[in-house]
Amino acid sequence: MFELFSKKEKPVPVTDLIWINDVAKKAGLVQLLKKKPGAVLCAWFDDTATENVTYLQSKGLEHTIHFYRQLHSRNTNGKEVIFLEHYPLYKKEQELFLSLQATSITILSSLEDPLLKQFGGDRISNLMKALGVDEEEPVSHKLITSSLLKAQQKLDKEITTELLASSADEWFKKNRPLN
């Protein structure tokens, strides 16, 4: 009735790594894979997977990128899981994360990603450049993760019927066309 006695599952802890632009994000991915070659790479959108496989191949790296529907805890249990983007909806993202039983989840983003663009990525990018933040270094902070979570939760409330898409840009055009 009021769910007074229901036990809420704790959200899966996430580490956000955010670069100023997509070029730096991809270079950061290469560096991360050199440090953690056994990590499981995942994408929410087909276009992201295809684009990153092509990029990694151009750098001489062969690494499988799993589409979120292919993921299962038997593939990720005890391994580091790296997502190449956030999913726009927090609930859907957390449902998958809980099912994976991963030791940790890292999400790579850039201020040029559609989710961040929707919530002021351009302004933040200009501020970071003005502060002299190195484009090659990712920014990671609980405040940023908290802001992303709030943005996703706002979308959870706005989107009542989700239309699926092959890219994050297309997802926003279909599901939040006025912004």
C-alpha atoms as a PDB file:
ATOM      1  CA  MET A   1       0.000   0.000   0.000  1.00  0.00           C
ATOM      2  CA  PHE A   2       2.400   2.712   1.191  1.00  0.00           C
ATOM      3  CA  GLU A   3       5.479   0.515   0.912  1.00  0.00           C
ATOM      4  CA  LEU A   4       6.318   1.353   4.518  1.00  0.00           C
ATOM      5  CA  PHE A   5       7.959  -1.964   5.137  1.00  0.00           C
ATOM      6  CA  SER A   6       9.479  -2.637   1.760  1.00  0.00           C
ATOM      7  CA  LYS A   7      13.231  -2.760   1.640  1.00  0.00           C
ATOM      8  CA  LYS A   8      14.755  -0.460  -0.936  1.00  0.00           C
ATOM      9  CA  GLU A   9      17.734  -1.870  -2.793  1.00  0.00           C
ATOM     10  CA  LYS A  10      20.855   0.208  -2.498  1.00  0.00           C
ATOM     11  CA  PRO A  11      21.952   1.669  -5.808  1.00  0.00           C
ATOM     12  CA  VAL A  12      25.050   0.191  -7.384  1.00  0.00           C
ATOM     13  CA  PRO A  13      28.032   2.494  -6.777  1.00  0.00           C
ATOM     14  CA  VAL A  14      29.205   4.124  -9.953  1.00  0.00           C
ATOM     15  CA  THR A  15      32.391   5.992 -10.785  1.00  0.00           C
ATOM     16  CA  ASP A  16      31.879   8.662 -13.404  1.00  0.00           C
ATOM     17  CA  LEU A  17      34.850   9.720 -15.519  1.00  0.00           C
ATOM     18  CA  ILE A  18      34.064  12.791 -17.592  1.00  0.00           C
ATOM     19  CA  TRP A  19      36.233  14.365 -20.262  1.00  0.00           C
ATOM     20  CA  ILE A  20      35.767  17.762 -21.901  1.00  0.00           C
ATOM     21  CA  ASN A  21      35.226  16.262 -25.373  1.00  0.00           C
ATOM     22  CA  ASP A  22      34.679  12.985 -27.214  1.00  0.00           C
ATOM     23  CA  VAL A  23      38.226  12.828 -28.604  1.00  0.00           C
ATOM     24  CA  ALA A  24      39.688  12.957 -25.089  1.00  0.00           C
ATOM     25  CA  LYS A  25      37.119  10.414 -23.885  1.00  0.00           C
ATOM     26  CA  LYS A  26      38.200   7.900 -26.543  1.00  0.00           C
ATOM     27  CA  ALA A  27      41.873   8.462 -25.740  1.00  0.00           C
ATOM     28  CA  GLY A  28      40.983   7.937 -22.081  1.00  0.00           C
ATOM     29  CA  LEU A  29      39.268   4.663 -22.959  1.00  0.00           C
ATOM     30  CA  VAL A  30      42.455   3.403 -24.619  1.00  0.00           C
ATOM     31  CA  GLN A  31      44.500   4.312 -21.523  1.00  0.00           C
ATOM     32  CA  LEU A  32      41.951   2.653 -19.245  1.00  0.00           C
ATOM     33  CA  LEU A  33      42.024  -0.575 -21.276  1.00  0.00           C
ATOM     34  CA  LYS A  34      45.815  -0.666 -21.084  1.00  0.00           C
ATOM     35  CA  LYS A  35      45.547  -0.516 -17.276  1.00  0.00           C
ATOM     36  CA  LYS A  36      42.561  -2.882 -17.063  1.00  0.00           C
ATOM     37  CA  PRO A  37      42.659  -5.235 -20.063  1.00  0.00           C
ATOM     38  CA  GLY A  38      40.197  -7.670 -18.449  1.00  0.00           C
ATOM     39  CA  ALA A  39      37.453  -5.074 -18.046  1.00  0.00           C
ATOM     40  CA  VAL A  40      34.084  -5.760 -19.636  1.00  0.00           C
ATOM     41  CA  LEU A  41      33.105  -2.945 -22.020  1.00  0.00           C
ATOM     42  CA  CYS A  42      29.429  -2.173 -22.505  1.00  0.00           C
ATOM     43  CA  ALA A  43      27.267   0.186 -24.540  1.00  0.00           C
ATOM     44  CA  TRP A  44      23.635   1.174 -24.268  1.00  0.00           C
ATOM     45  CA  PHE A  45      23.293   2.150 -27.908  1.00  0.00           C
ATOM     46  CA  ASP A  46      24.275   0.307 -31.110  1.00  0.00           C
ATOM     47  CA  ASP A  47      25.926   3.388 -32.590  1.00  0.00           C
ATOM     48  CA  THR A  48      28.153   3.797 -29.526  1.00  0.00           C
ATOM     49  CA  ALA A  49      29.313   0.190 -29.723  1.00  0.00           C
ATOM     50  CA  THR A  50      30.048   0.379 -33.457  1.00  0.00           C
ATOM     51  CA  GLU A  51      31.865   3.717 -33.193  1.00  0.00           C
ATOM     52  CA  ASN A  52      34.061   2.550 -30.312  1.00  0.00           C
ATOM     53  CA  VAL A  53      34.910  -0.841 -31.838  1.00  0.00           C
ATOM     54  CA  THR A  54      36.080   0.992 -34.966  1.00  0.00           C
ATOM     55  CA  TYR A  55      38.096   3.460 -32.875  1.00  0.00           C
ATOM     56  CA  LEU A  56      39.765   0.733 -30.804  1.00  0.00           C
ATOM     57  CA  GLN A  57      40.646  -1.213 -33.950  1.00  0.00           C
ATOM     58  CA  SER A  58      42.245   1.921 -35.414  1.00  0.00           C
ATOM     59  CA  LYS A  59      44.445   1.984 -32.295  1.00  0.00           C
ATOM     60  CA  GLY A  60      45.371  -1.683 -32.697  1.00  0.00           C
ATOM     61  CA  LEU A  61      43.155  -2.886 -29.848  1.00  0.00           C
ATOM     62  CA  GLU A  62      40.729  -5.758 -30.249  1.00  0.00           C
ATOM     63  CA  HIS A  63      38.179  -5.586 -27.466  1.00  0.00           C
ATOM     64  CA  THR A  64      34.594  -6.827 -27.449  1.00  0.00           C
ATOM     65  CA  ILE A  65      31.952  -4.265 -26.609  1.00  0.00           C
ATOM     66  CA  HIS A  66      28.837  -5.875 -25.199  1.00  0.00           C
ATOM     67  CA  PHE A  67      25.452  -4.422 -25.932  1.00  0.00           C
ATOM     68  CA  TYR A  68      23.461  -4.019 -22.699  1.00  0.00           C
ATOM     69  CA  ARG A  69      20.958  -6.713 -23.704  1.00  0.00           C
ATOM     70  CA  GLN A  70      23.804  -9.254 -23.978  1.00  0.00           C
ATOM     71  CA  LEU A  71      25.034  -8.699 -20.451  1.00  0.00           C
ATOM     72  CA  HIS A  72      24.548 -11.257 -17.740  1.00  0.00           C
ATOM     73  CA  SER A  73      26.105 -11.639 -14.313  1.00  0.00           C
ATOM     74  CA  ARG A  74      28.014 -14.732 -15.471  1.00  0.00           C
ATOM     75  CA  ASN A  75      29.967 -12.417 -17.845  1.00  0.00           C
ATOM     76  CA  THR A  76      30.546  -9.655 -15.303  1.00  0.00           C
ATOM     77  CA  ASN A  77      30.593 -11.243 -11.858  1.00  0.00           C
ATOM     78  CA  GLY A  78      33.796 -10.208 -10.130  1.00  0.00           C
ATOM     79  CA  LYS A  79      34.989  -8.105 -13.054  1.00  0.00           C
ATOM     80  CA  GLU A  80      35.266  -4.399 -13.611  1.00  0.00           C
ATOM     81  CA  VAL A  81      32.506  -3.192 -15.906  1.00  0.00           C
ATOM     82  CA  ILE A  82      32.990  -0.066 -18.015  1.00  0.00           C
ATOM     83  CA  PHE A  83      30.036   1.570 -19.731  1.00  0.00           C
ATOM     84  CA  LEU A  84      30.798   3.875 -22.637  1.00  0.00           C
ATOM     85  CA  GLU A  85      27.894   6.166 -21.760  1.00  0.00           C
ATOM     86  CA  HIS A  86      25.077   6.719 -19.302  1.00  0.00           C
ATOM     87  CA  TYR A  87      21.601   5.603 -20.171  1.00  0.00           C
ATOM     88  CA  PRO A  88      19.231   8.584 -20.030  1.00  0.00           C
ATOM     89  CA  LEU A  89      16.862   6.869 -17.567  1.00  0.00           C
ATOM     90  CA  TYR A  90      18.197   6.161 -14.079  1.00  0.00           C
ATOM     91  CA  LYS A  91      15.760   3.335 -13.267  1.00  0.00           C
ATOM     92  CA  LYS A  92      16.674   1.324 -16.362  1.00  0.00           C
ATOM     93  CA  GLU A  93      20.380   1.863 -15.728  1.00  0.00           C
ATOM     94  CA  GLN A  94      20.175   0.771 -12.098  1.00  0.00           C
ATOM     95  CA  GLU A  95      18.061  -2.313 -12.896  1.00  0.00           C
ATOM     96  CA  LEU A  96      20.800  -3.550 -15.199  1.00  0.00           C
ATOM     97  CA  PHE A  97      23.605  -2.640 -12.790  1.00  0.00           C
ATOM     98  CA  LEU A  98      21.926  -4.548  -9.945  1.00  0.00           C
ATOM     99  CA  SER A  99      21.535  -7.638 -12.127  1.00  0.00           C
ATOM    100  CA  LEU A 100      25.219  -7.700 -13.132  1.00  0.00           C
ATOM    101  CA  GLN A 101      26.749  -8.311  -9.684  1.00  0.00           C
ATOM    102  CA  ALA A 102      29.893  -6.482 -10.818  1.00  0.00           C
ATOM    103  CA  THR A 103      32.624  -5.468  -8.388  1.00  0.00           C
ATOM    104  CA  SER A 104      32.574  -1.954  -9.775  1.00  0.00           C
ATOM    105  CA  ILE A 105      31.010   0.036 -12.566  1.00  0.00           C
ATOM    106  CA  THR A 106      32.730   2.912 -14.296  1.00  0.00           C
ATOM    107  CA  ILE A 107      30.905   5.117 -16.749  1.00  0.00           C
ATOM    108  CA  LEU A 108      32.790   7.154 -19.323  1.00  0.00           C
ATOM    109  CA  SER A 109      31.253  10.411 -20.501  1.00  0.00           C
ATOM    110  CA  SER A 110      32.199  13.591 -22.217  1.00  0.00           C
ATOM    111  CA  LEU A 111      30.595  16.980 -21.955  1.00  0.00           C
ATOM    112  CA  GLU A 112      29.606  16.457 -25.594  1.00  0.00           C
ATOM    113  CA  ASP A 113      27.447  13.408 -24.747  1.00  0.00           C
ATOM    114  CA  PRO A 114      23.722  14.009 -25.400  1.00  0.00           C
ATOM    115  CA  LEU A 115      22.750  13.505 -21.734  1.00  0.00           C
ATOM    116  CA  LEU A 116      25.229  16.120 -20.563  1.00  0.00           C
ATOM    117  CA  LYS A 117      24.322  18.496 -23.396  1.00  0.00           C
ATOM    118  CA  GLN A 118      20.697  18.347 -22.218  1.00  0.00           C
ATOM    119  CA  PHE A 119      21.742  19.564 -18.796  1.00  0.00           C
ATOM    120  CA  GLY A 120      24.353  22.257 -19.447  1.00  0.00           C
ATOM    121  CA  GLY A 121      27.413  20.384 -20.724  1.00  0.00           C
ATOM    122  CA  ASP A 122      28.408  23.337 -22.930  1.00  0.00           C
ATOM    123  CA  ARG A 123      28.470  25.744 -19.973  1.00  0.00           C
ATOM    124  CA  ILE A 124      30.473  23.303 -17.869  1.00  0.00           C
ATOM    125  CA  SER A 125      32.912  22.747 -20.747  1.00  0.00           C
ATOM    126  CA  ASN A 126      33.513  26.487 -21.092  1.00  0.00           C
ATOM    127  CA  LEU A 127      34.029  26.794 -17.340  1.00  0.00           C
ATOM    128  CA  MET A 128      36.492  23.880 -17.262  1.00  0.00           C
ATOM    129  CA  LYS A 129      38.462  25.375 -20.158  1.00  0.00           C
ATOM    130  CA  ALA A 130      38.519  28.773 -18.426  1.00  0.00           C
ATOM    131  CA  LEU A 131      39.862  27.079 -15.287  1.00  0.00           C
ATOM    132  CA  GLY A 132      42.603  25.448 -17.342  1.00  0.00           C
ATOM    133  CA  VAL A 133      41.480  21.844 -16.867  1.00  0.00           C
ATOM    134  CA  ASP A 134      43.606  19.498 -18.981  1.00  0.00           C
ATOM    135  CA  GLU A 135      41.467  17.992 -21.754  1.00  0.00           C
ATOM    136  CA  GLU A 136      43.277  14.673 -21.442  1.00  0.00           C
ATOM    137  CA  GLU A 137      42.391  14.240 -17.767  1.00  0.00           C
ATOM    138  CA  PRO A 138      38.947  13.052 -16.728  1.00  0.00           C
ATOM    139  CA  VAL A 139      37.041  14.793 -13.980  1.00  0.00           C
ATOM    140  CA  SER A 140      35.491  12.590 -11.344  1.00  0.00           C
ATOM    141  CA  HIS A 141      33.669  13.809  -8.251  1.00  0.00           C
ATOM    142  CA  LYS A 142      30.657  12.797  -6.139  1.00  0.00           C
ATOM    143  CA  LEU A 143      29.042  16.138  -6.963  1.00  0.00           C
ATOM    144  CA  ILE A 144      29.174  15.357 -10.688  1.00  0.00           C
ATOM    145  CA  THR A 145      27.789  11.865 -10.164  1.00  0.00           C
ATOM    146  CA  SER A 146      25.009  13.343  -8.025  1.00  0.00           C
ATOM    147  CA  SER A 147      24.162  15.913 -10.715  1.00  0.00           C
ATOM    148  CA  LEU A 148      23.997  13.220 -13.394  1.00  0.00           C
ATOM    149  CA  LEU A 149      21.750  11.109 -11.178  1.00  0.00           C
ATOM    150  CA  LYS A 150      19.369  14.058 -10.680  1.00  0.00           C
ATOM    151  CA  ALA A 151      19.285  14.696 -14.425  1.00  0.00           C
ATOM    152  CA  GLN A 152      18.440  11.037 -15.094  1.00  0.00           C
ATOM    153  CA  GLN A 153      15.767  11.038 -12.385  1.00  0.00           C
ATOM    154  CA  LYS A 154      14.236  14.156 -13.928  1.00  0.00           C
ATOM    155  CA  LEU A 155      14.011  12.264 -17.210  1.00  0.00           C
ATOM    156  CA  ASP A 156      12.479   9.265 -15.378  1.00  0.00           C
ATOM    157  CA  LYS A 157       9.626  11.560 -14.307  1.00  0.00           C
ATOM    158  CA  GLU A 158       9.233  13.218 -17.718  1.00  0.00           C
ATOM    159  CA  ILE A 159       9.301  10.119 -19.933  1.00  0.00           C
ATOM    160  CA  THR A 160       6.208   7.994 -19.429  1.00  0.00           C
ATOM    161  CA  THR A 161       6.493   5.951 -22.630  1.00  0.00           C
ATOM    162  CA  GLU A 162      10.015   5.377 -23.866  1.00  0.00           C
ATOM    163  CA  LEU A 163      10.805   5.031 -27.551  1.00  0.00           C
ATOM    164  CA  LEU A 164      13.957   3.008 -28.213  1.00  0.00           C
ATOM    165  CA  ALA A 165      16.738   4.283 -30.450  1.00  0.00           C
ATOM    166  CA  SER A 166      20.087   3.255 -31.908  1.00  0.00           C
ATOM    167  CA  SER A 167      21.952   6.294 -30.533  1.00  0.00           C
ATOM    168  CA  ALA A 168      21.682   8.641 -27.579  1.00  0.00           C
ATOM    169  CA  ASP A 169      21.056  11.585 -29.946  1.00  0.00           C
ATOM    170  CA  GLU A 170      18.177   9.713 -31.574  1.00  0.00           C
ATOM    171  CA  TRP A 171      16.835   8.724 -28.124  1.00  0.00           C
ATOM    172  CA  PHE A 172      16.601  12.370 -27.095  1.00  0.00           C
ATOM    173  CA  LYS A 173      15.015  13.379 -30.416  1.00  0.00           C
ATOM    174  CA  LYS A 174      12.340  10.707 -29.983  1.00  0.00           C
ATOM    175  CA  ASN A 175      11.731  11.021 -26.248  1.00  0.00           C
ATOM    176  CA  ARG A 176      12.418  14.687 -25.480  1.00  0.00           C
ATOM    177  CA  PRO A 177      11.957  16.460 -28.810  1.00  0.00           C
ATOM    178  CA  LEU A 178      11.321  19.988 -27.520  1.00  0.00           C
ATOM    179  CA  ASN A 179      14.663  20.379 -25.709  1.00  0.00           C
END
